[in-house]
């Protein structure tokens, strides 16, 4: 059985949890957090793309991303 490939690197995710105050972070916690972050960012990216297309553009702008993240 192969490894599951993640778009978001796991080491920085672990550091984020540590910076948030965790003394120690399990690999399962890092895996879960990475999975959740990936799902959230994919939804935001899809919404930002839809916003730019609705505006008649091919390019996604900063405002598209910020607007997509609010909803």
PDB file of N, CA and C in Angstrom:
ATOM      1  N   UNK A   1       0.832  -1.169   0.000  1.00  0.00           N
ATOM      2  CA  UNK A   1       0.000   0.000   0.000  1.00  0.00           C
ATOM      3  C   UNK A   1       0.883   1.242   0.000  1.00  0.00           C
ATOM      4  N   UNK A   2       0.622   2.208  -0.912  1.00  0.00           N
ATOM      5  CA  UNK A   2       1.460   3.389  -1.047  1.00  0.00           C
ATOM      6  C   UNK A   2       1.095   4.486  -0.075  1.00  0.00           C
ATOM      7  N   UNK A   3       1.992   5.441   0.009  1.00  0.00           N
ATOM      8  CA  UNK A   3       1.751   6.590   0.871  1.00  0.00           C
ATOM      9  C   UNK A   3       0.747   7.534   0.240  1.00  0.00           C
ATOM     10  N   UNK A   4      -0.018   8.211   1.078  1.00  0.00           N
ATOM     11  CA  UNK A   4      -0.950   9.216   0.598  1.00  0.00           C
ATOM     12  C   UNK A   4      -0.163  10.515   0.397  1.00  0.00           C
ATOM     13  N   UNK A   5      -0.237  11.061  -0.796  1.00  0.00           N
ATOM     14  CA  UNK A   5       0.514  12.272  -1.118  1.00  0.00           C
ATOM     15  C   UNK A   5      -0.332  13.493  -0.760  1.00  0.00           C
ATOM     16  N   UNK A   6       0.283  14.435  -0.082  1.00  0.00           N
ATOM     17  CA  UNK A   6      -0.404  15.647   0.350  1.00  0.00           C
ATOM     18  C   UNK A   6       0.174  16.848  -0.376  1.00  0.00           C
ATOM     19  N   UNK A   7      -0.682  17.786  -0.739  1.00  0.00           N
ATOM     20  CA  UNK A   7      -0.232  19.014  -1.384  1.00  0.00           C
ATOM     21  C   UNK A   7       0.440  19.921  -0.358  1.00  0.00           C
ATOM     22  N   UNK A   8      -0.094  19.934   0.847  1.00  0.00           N
ATOM     23  CA  UNK A   8       0.433  20.776   1.917  1.00  0.00           C
ATOM     24  C   UNK A   8       1.488  19.976   2.686  1.00  0.00           C
ATOM     25  N   UNK A   9       2.711  20.506   2.781  1.00  0.00           N
ATOM     26  CA  UNK A   9       3.753  19.796   3.518  1.00  0.00           C
ATOM     27  C   UNK A   9       3.388  19.639   4.995  1.00  0.00           C
ATOM     28  N   UNK A  10       3.686  18.487   5.554  1.00  0.00           N
ATOM     29  CA  UNK A  10       3.265  18.181   6.922  1.00  0.00           C
ATOM     30  C   UNK A  10       4.140  18.827   7.991  1.00  0.00           C
ATOM     31  N   UNK A  11       5.419  19.025   7.719  1.00  0.00           N
ATOM     32  CA  UNK A  11       6.300  19.623   8.724  1.00  0.00           C
ATOM     33  C   UNK A  11       5.846  21.030   9.119  1.00  0.00           C
ATOM     34  N   UNK A  12       5.523  21.905   8.157  1.00  0.00           N
ATOM     35  CA  UNK A  12       5.037  23.231   8.556  1.00  0.00           C
ATOM     36  C   UNK A  12       3.710  23.176   9.312  1.00  0.00           C
ATOM     37  N   UNK A  13       2.872  22.189   9.000  1.00  0.00           N
ATOM     38  CA  UNK A  13       1.605  22.039   9.717  1.00  0.00           C
ATOM     39  C   UNK A  13       1.887  21.706  11.184  1.00  0.00           C
ATOM     40  N   UNK A  14       2.815  20.817  11.416  1.00  0.00           N
ATOM     41  CA  UNK A  14       3.207  20.483  12.789  1.00  0.00           C
ATOM     42  C   UNK A  14       3.745  21.697  13.519  1.00  0.00           C
ATOM     43  N   UNK A  15       4.555  22.508  12.813  1.00  0.00           N
ATOM     44  CA  UNK A  15       5.100  23.726  13.428  1.00  0.00           C
ATOM     45  C   UNK A  15       3.983  24.720  13.754  1.00  0.00           C
ATOM     46  N   UNK A  16       2.953  24.782  12.894  1.00  0.00           N
ATOM     47  CA  UNK A  16       1.829  25.675  13.164  1.00  0.00           C
ATOM     48  C   UNK A  16       1.134  25.275  14.456  1.00  0.00           C
ATOM     49  N   UNK A  17       0.929  23.989  14.646  1.00  0.00           N
ATOM     50  CA  UNK A  17       0.288  23.503  15.865  1.00  0.00           C
ATOM     51  C   UNK A  17       1.159  23.798  17.097  1.00  0.00           C
ATOM     52  N   UNK A  18       2.465  23.633  16.941  1.00  0.00           N
ATOM     53  CA  UNK A  18       3.381  23.925  18.045  1.00  0.00           C
ATOM     54  C   UNK A  18       3.367  25.425  18.367  1.00  0.00           C
ATOM     55  N   UNK A  19       3.348  26.256  17.320  1.00  0.00           N
ATOM     56  CA  UNK A  19       3.330  27.705  17.516  1.00  0.00           C
ATOM     57  C   UNK A  19       2.027  28.146  18.187  1.00  0.00           C
ATOM     58  N   UNK A  20       0.963  27.374  17.965  1.00  0.00           N
ATOM     59  CA  UNK A  20      -0.328  27.686  18.581  1.00  0.00           C
ATOM     60  C   UNK A  20      -0.363  27.300  20.058  1.00  0.00           C
ATOM     61  N   UNK A  21       0.707  26.634  20.525  1.00  0.00           N
ATOM     62  CA  UNK A  21       0.797  26.343  21.947  1.00  0.00           C
ATOM     63  C   UNK A  21       0.908  24.879  22.332  1.00  0.00           C
ATOM     64  N   UNK A  22       0.877  23.980  21.356  1.00  0.00           N
ATOM     65  CA  UNK A  22       0.982  22.552  21.674  1.00  0.00           C
ATOM     66  C   UNK A  22       2.410  22.228  22.116  1.00  0.00           C
ATOM     67  N   UNK A  23       2.534  21.457  23.172  1.00  0.00           N
ATOM     68  CA  UNK A  23       3.854  21.021  23.631  1.00  0.00           C
ATOM     69  C   UNK A  23       4.394  19.915  22.721  1.00  0.00           C
ATOM     70  N   UNK A  24       3.495  18.993  22.365  1.00  0.00           N
ATOM     71  CA  UNK A  24       3.847  17.890  21.464  1.00  0.00           C
ATOM     72  C   UNK A  24       2.671  17.689  20.511  1.00  0.00           C
ATOM     73  N   UNK A  25       2.975  17.176  19.322  1.00  0.00           N
ATOM     74  CA  UNK A  25       1.933  16.951  18.313  1.00  0.00           C
ATOM     75  C   UNK A  25       2.133  15.555  17.730  1.00  0.00           C
ATOM     76  N   UNK A  26       1.084  14.748  17.757  1.00  0.00           N
ATOM     77  CA  UNK A  26       1.183  13.398  17.198  1.00  0.00           C
ATOM     78  C   UNK A  26       1.098  13.453  15.681  1.00  0.00           C
ATOM     79  N   UNK A  27       1.611  12.421  15.039  1.00  0.00           N
ATOM     80  CA  UNK A  27       1.556  12.340  13.581  1.00  0.00           C
ATOM     81  C   UNK A  27       0.101  12.265  13.112  1.00  0.00           C
ATOM     82  N   UNK A  28      -0.750  11.590  13.887  1.00  0.00           N
ATOM     83  CA  UNK A  28      -2.169  11.516  13.531  1.00  0.00           C
ATOM     84  C   UNK A  28      -2.811  12.905  13.531  1.00  0.00           C
ATOM     85  N   UNK A  29      -2.422  13.741  14.480  1.00  0.00           N
ATOM     86  CA  UNK A  29      -2.959  15.101  14.544  1.00  0.00           C
ATOM     87  C   UNK A  29      -2.496  15.914  13.335  1.00  0.00           C
ATOM     88  N   UNK A  30      -1.244  15.774  12.987  1.00  0.00           N
ATOM     89  CA  UNK A  30      -0.705  16.470  11.808  1.00  0.00           C
ATOM     90  C   UNK A  30      -1.433  16.001  10.550  1.00  0.00           C
ATOM     91  N   UNK A  31      -1.631  14.694  10.422  1.00  0.00           N
ATOM     92  CA  UNK A  31      -2.333  14.141   9.260  1.00  0.00           C
ATOM     93  C   UNK A  31      -3.760  14.676   9.170  1.00  0.00           C
ATOM     94  N   UNK A  32      -4.465  14.699  10.289  1.00  0.00           N
ATOM     95  CA  UNK A  32      -5.852  15.171  10.313  1.00  0.00           C
ATOM     96  C   UNK A  32      -5.919  16.663   9.979  1.00  0.00           C
ATOM     97  N   UNK A  33      -5.034  17.434  10.576  1.00  0.00           N
ATOM     98  CA  UNK A  33      -5.021  18.877  10.338  1.00  0.00           C
ATOM     99  C   UNK A  33      -4.694  19.173   8.879  1.00  0.00           C
ATOM    100  N   UNK A  34      -3.738  18.443   8.326  1.00  0.00           N
ATOM    101  CA  UNK A  34      -3.367  18.605   6.921  1.00  0.00           C
ATOM    102  C   UNK A  34      -4.539  18.277   6.008  1.00  0.00           C
ATOM    103  N   UNK A  35      -5.247  17.207   6.311  1.00  0.00           N
ATOM    104  CA  UNK A  35      -6.397  16.801   5.507  1.00  0.00           C
ATOM    105  C   UNK A  35      -7.492  17.871   5.537  1.00  0.00           C
ATOM    106  N   UNK A  36      -7.771  18.404   6.721  1.00  0.00           N
ATOM    107  CA  UNK A  36      -8.795  19.436   6.866  1.00  0.00           C
ATOM    108  C   UNK A  36      -8.386  20.717   6.142  1.00  0.00           C
ATOM    109  N   UNK A  37      -7.127  21.113   6.299  1.00  0.00           N
ATOM    110  CA  UNK A  37      -6.642  22.307   5.603  1.00  0.00           C
ATOM    111  C   UNK A  37      -6.740  22.143   4.094  1.00  0.00           C
ATOM    112  N   UNK A  38      -6.404  20.973   3.603  1.00  0.00           N
ATOM    113  CA  UNK A  38      -6.470  20.708   2.163  1.00  0.00           C
ATOM    114  C   UNK A  38      -7.905  20.824   1.659  1.00  0.00           C
ATOM    115  N   UNK A  39      -8.847  20.237   2.388  1.00  0.00           N
ATOM    116  CA  UNK A  39     -10.261  20.318   1.992  1.00  0.00           C
ATOM    117  C   UNK A  39     -10.738  21.769   1.970  1.00  0.00           C
ATOM    118  N   UNK A  40     -10.371  22.531   2.998  1.00  0.00           N
ATOM    119  CA  UNK A  40     -10.801  23.923   3.078  1.00  0.00           C
ATOM    120  C   UNK A  40     -10.203  24.758   1.945  1.00  0.00           C
ATOM    121  N   UNK A  41      -8.918  24.570   1.688  1.00  0.00           N
ATOM    122  CA  UNK A  41      -8.269  25.366   0.651  1.00  0.00           C
ATOM    123  C   UNK A  41      -8.773  25.002  -0.741  1.00  0.00           C
ATOM    124  N   UNK A  42      -9.112  23.740  -0.960  1.00  0.00           N
ATOM    125  CA  UNK A  42      -9.667  23.347  -2.255  1.00  0.00           C
ATOM    126  C   UNK A  42     -11.025  24.004  -2.481  1.00  0.00           C
ATOM    127  N   UNK A  43     -11.852  24.090  -1.434  1.00  0.00           N
ATOM    128  CA  UNK A  43     -13.160  24.750  -1.547  1.00  0.00           C
ATOM    129  C   UNK A  43     -12.986  26.238  -1.849  1.00  0.00           C
ATOM    130  N   UNK A  44     -12.052  26.883  -1.153  1.00  0.00           N
ATOM    131  CA  UNK A  44     -11.807  28.305  -1.377  1.00  0.00           C
ATOM    132  C   UNK A  44     -11.285  28.531  -2.794  1.00  0.00           C
ATOM    133  N   UNK A  45     -10.378  27.689  -3.249  1.00  0.00           N
ATOM    134  CA  UNK A  45      -9.828  27.823  -4.601  1.00  0.00           C
ATOM    135  C   UNK A  45     -10.916  27.671  -5.659  1.00  0.00           C
ATOM    136  N   UNK A  46     -11.805  26.717  -5.454  1.00  0.00           N
ATOM    137  CA  UNK A  46     -12.890  26.502  -6.406  1.00  0.00           C
ATOM    138  C   UNK A  46     -13.816  27.721  -6.441  1.00  0.00           C
ATOM    139  N   UNK A  47     -14.171  28.238  -5.269  1.00  0.00           N
ATOM    140  CA  UNK A  47     -15.040  29.415  -5.205  1.00  0.00           C
ATOM    141  C   UNK A  47     -14.372  30.642  -5.830  1.00  0.00           C
ATOM    142  N   UNK A  48     -13.073  30.824  -5.570  1.00  0.00           N
ATOM    143  CA  UNK A  48     -12.348  31.963  -6.139  1.00  0.00           C
ATOM    144  C   UNK A  48     -12.314  31.866  -7.664  1.00  0.00           C
ATOM    145  N   UNK A  49     -12.144  30.667  -8.170  1.00  0.00           N
ATOM    146  CA  UNK A  49     -12.152  30.456  -9.621  1.00  0.00           C
ATOM    147  C   UNK A  49     -13.520  30.791 -10.196  1.00  0.00           C
ATOM    148  N   UNK A  50     -14.575  30.359  -9.526  1.00  0.00           N
ATOM    149  CA  UNK A  50     -15.933  30.655  -9.985  1.00  0.00           C
ATOM    150  C   UNK A  50     -16.203  32.161  -9.975  1.00  0.00           C
ATOM    151  N   UNK A  51     -15.710  32.848  -8.952  1.00  0.00           N
ATOM    152  CA  UNK A  51     -15.891  34.306  -8.861  1.00  0.00           C
ATOM    153  C   UNK A  51     -15.193  35.003 -10.022  1.00  0.00           C
ATOM    154  N   UNK A  52     -13.964  34.591 -10.326  1.00  0.00           N
ATOM    155  CA  UNK A  52     -13.229  35.231 -11.426  1.00  0.00           C
ATOM    156  C   UNK A  52     -13.918  34.962 -12.765  1.00  0.00           C
ATOM    157  N   UNK A  53     -14.421  33.747 -12.959  1.00  0.00           N
ATOM    158  CA  UNK A  53     -15.130  33.429 -14.207  1.00  0.00           C
ATOM    159  C   UNK A  53     -16.410  34.244 -14.307  1.00  0.00           C
ATOM    160  N   UNK A  54     -17.120  34.384 -13.190  1.00  0.00           N
ATOM    161  CA  UNK A  54     -18.354  35.165 -13.174  1.00  0.00           C
ATOM    162  C   UNK A  54     -18.065  36.628 -13.529  1.00  0.00           C
ATOM    163  N   UNK A  55     -16.872  37.100 -13.158  1.00  0.00           N
ATOM    164  CA  UNK A  55     -16.469  38.472 -13.459  1.00  0.00           C
ATOM    165  C   UNK A  55     -15.921  38.612 -14.870  1.00  0.00           C
ATOM    166  N   UNK A  56     -15.908  37.509 -15.617  1.00  0.00           N
ATOM    167  CA  UNK A  56     -15.439  37.545 -16.998  1.00  0.00           C
ATOM    168  C   UNK A  56     -13.921  37.520 -17.133  1.00  0.00           C
ATOM    169  N   UNK A  57     -13.244  37.016 -16.121  1.00  0.00           N
ATOM    170  CA  UNK A  57     -11.776  36.948 -16.148  1.00  0.00           C
ATOM    171  C   UNK A  57     -11.290  35.514 -16.110  1.00  0.00           C
ATOM    172  N   UNK A  58     -10.096  35.314 -16.633  1.00  0.00           N
ATOM    173  CA  UNK A  58      -9.438  34.012 -16.538  1.00  0.00           C
ATOM    174  C   UNK A  58      -8.475  33.990 -15.350  1.00  0.00           C
ATOM    175  N   UNK A  59      -8.080  35.162 -14.899  1.00  0.00           N
ATOM    176  CA  UNK A  59      -7.116  35.298 -13.818  1.00  0.00           C
ATOM    177  C   UNK A  59      -7.837  35.447 -12.488  1.00  0.00           C
ATOM    178  N   UNK A  60      -7.399  34.688 -11.504  1.00  0.00           N
ATOM    179  CA  UNK A  60      -7.934  34.811 -10.139  1.00  0.00           C
ATOM    180  C   UNK A  60      -7.138  35.897  -9.435  1.00  0.00           C
ATOM    181  N   UNK A  61      -7.844  36.883  -8.887  1.00  0.00           N
ATOM    182  CA  UNK A  61      -7.208  37.996  -8.189  1.00  0.00           C
ATOM    183  C   UNK A  61      -7.309  37.807  -6.678  1.00  0.00           C
ATOM    184  N   UNK A  62      -6.548  38.609  -5.970  1.00  0.00           N
ATOM    185  CA  UNK A  62      -6.542  38.572  -4.506  1.00  0.00           C
ATOM    186  C   UNK A  62      -7.948  38.744  -3.938  1.00  0.00           C
ATOM    187  N   UNK A  63      -8.700  39.678  -4.479  1.00  0.00           N
ATOM    188  CA  UNK A  63     -10.049  39.937  -4.002  1.00  0.00           C
ATOM    189  C   UNK A  63     -10.963  38.729  -4.152  1.00  0.00           C
ATOM    190  N   UNK A  64     -10.749  37.963  -5.229  1.00  0.00           N
ATOM    191  CA  UNK A  64     -11.537  36.747  -5.443  1.00  0.00           C
ATOM    192  C   UNK A  64     -11.299  35.744  -4.321  1.00  0.00           C
ATOM    193  N   UNK A  65     -10.040  35.603  -3.959  1.00  0.00           N
ATOM    194  CA  UNK A  65      -9.672  34.662  -2.905  1.00  0.00           C
ATOM    195  C   UNK A  65     -10.227  35.119  -1.562  1.00  0.00           C
ATOM    196  N   UNK A  66     -10.087  36.399  -1.274  1.00  0.00           N
ATOM    197  CA  UNK A  66     -10.587  36.928  -0.003  1.00  0.00           C
ATOM    198  C   UNK A  66     -12.115  36.790   0.088  1.00  0.00           C
ATOM    199  N   UNK A  67     -12.810  37.076  -1.003  1.00  0.00           N
ATOM    200  CA  UNK A  67     -14.256  36.948  -1.030  1.00  0.00           C
ATOM    201  C   UNK A  67     -14.665  35.492  -0.870  1.00  0.00           C
ATOM    202  N   UNK A  68     -13.966  34.602  -1.546  1.00  0.00           N
ATOM    203  CA  UNK A  68     -14.274  33.166  -1.451  1.00  0.00           C
ATOM    204  C   UNK A  68     -14.044  32.645  -0.029  1.00  0.00           C
ATOM    205  N   UNK A  69     -13.039  33.166   0.643  1.00  0.00           N
ATOM    206  CA  UNK A  69     -12.729  32.704   2.001  1.00  0.00           C
ATOM    207  C   UNK A  69     -13.775  33.167   3.012  1.00  0.00           C
ATOM    208  N   UNK A  70     -14.461  34.263   2.720  1.00  0.00           N
ATOM    209  CA  UNK A  70     -15.471  34.792   3.639  1.00  0.00           C
ATOM    210  C   UNK A  70     -16.720  33.926   3.661  1.00  0.00           C
ATOM    211  N   UNK A  71     -16.994  33.234   2.570  1.00  0.00           N
ATOM    212  CA  UNK A  71     -18.252  32.481   2.467  1.00  0.00           C
ATOM    213  C   UNK A  71     -18.038  31.032   2.708  1.00  0.00           C
TER     214      UNK A  71
END
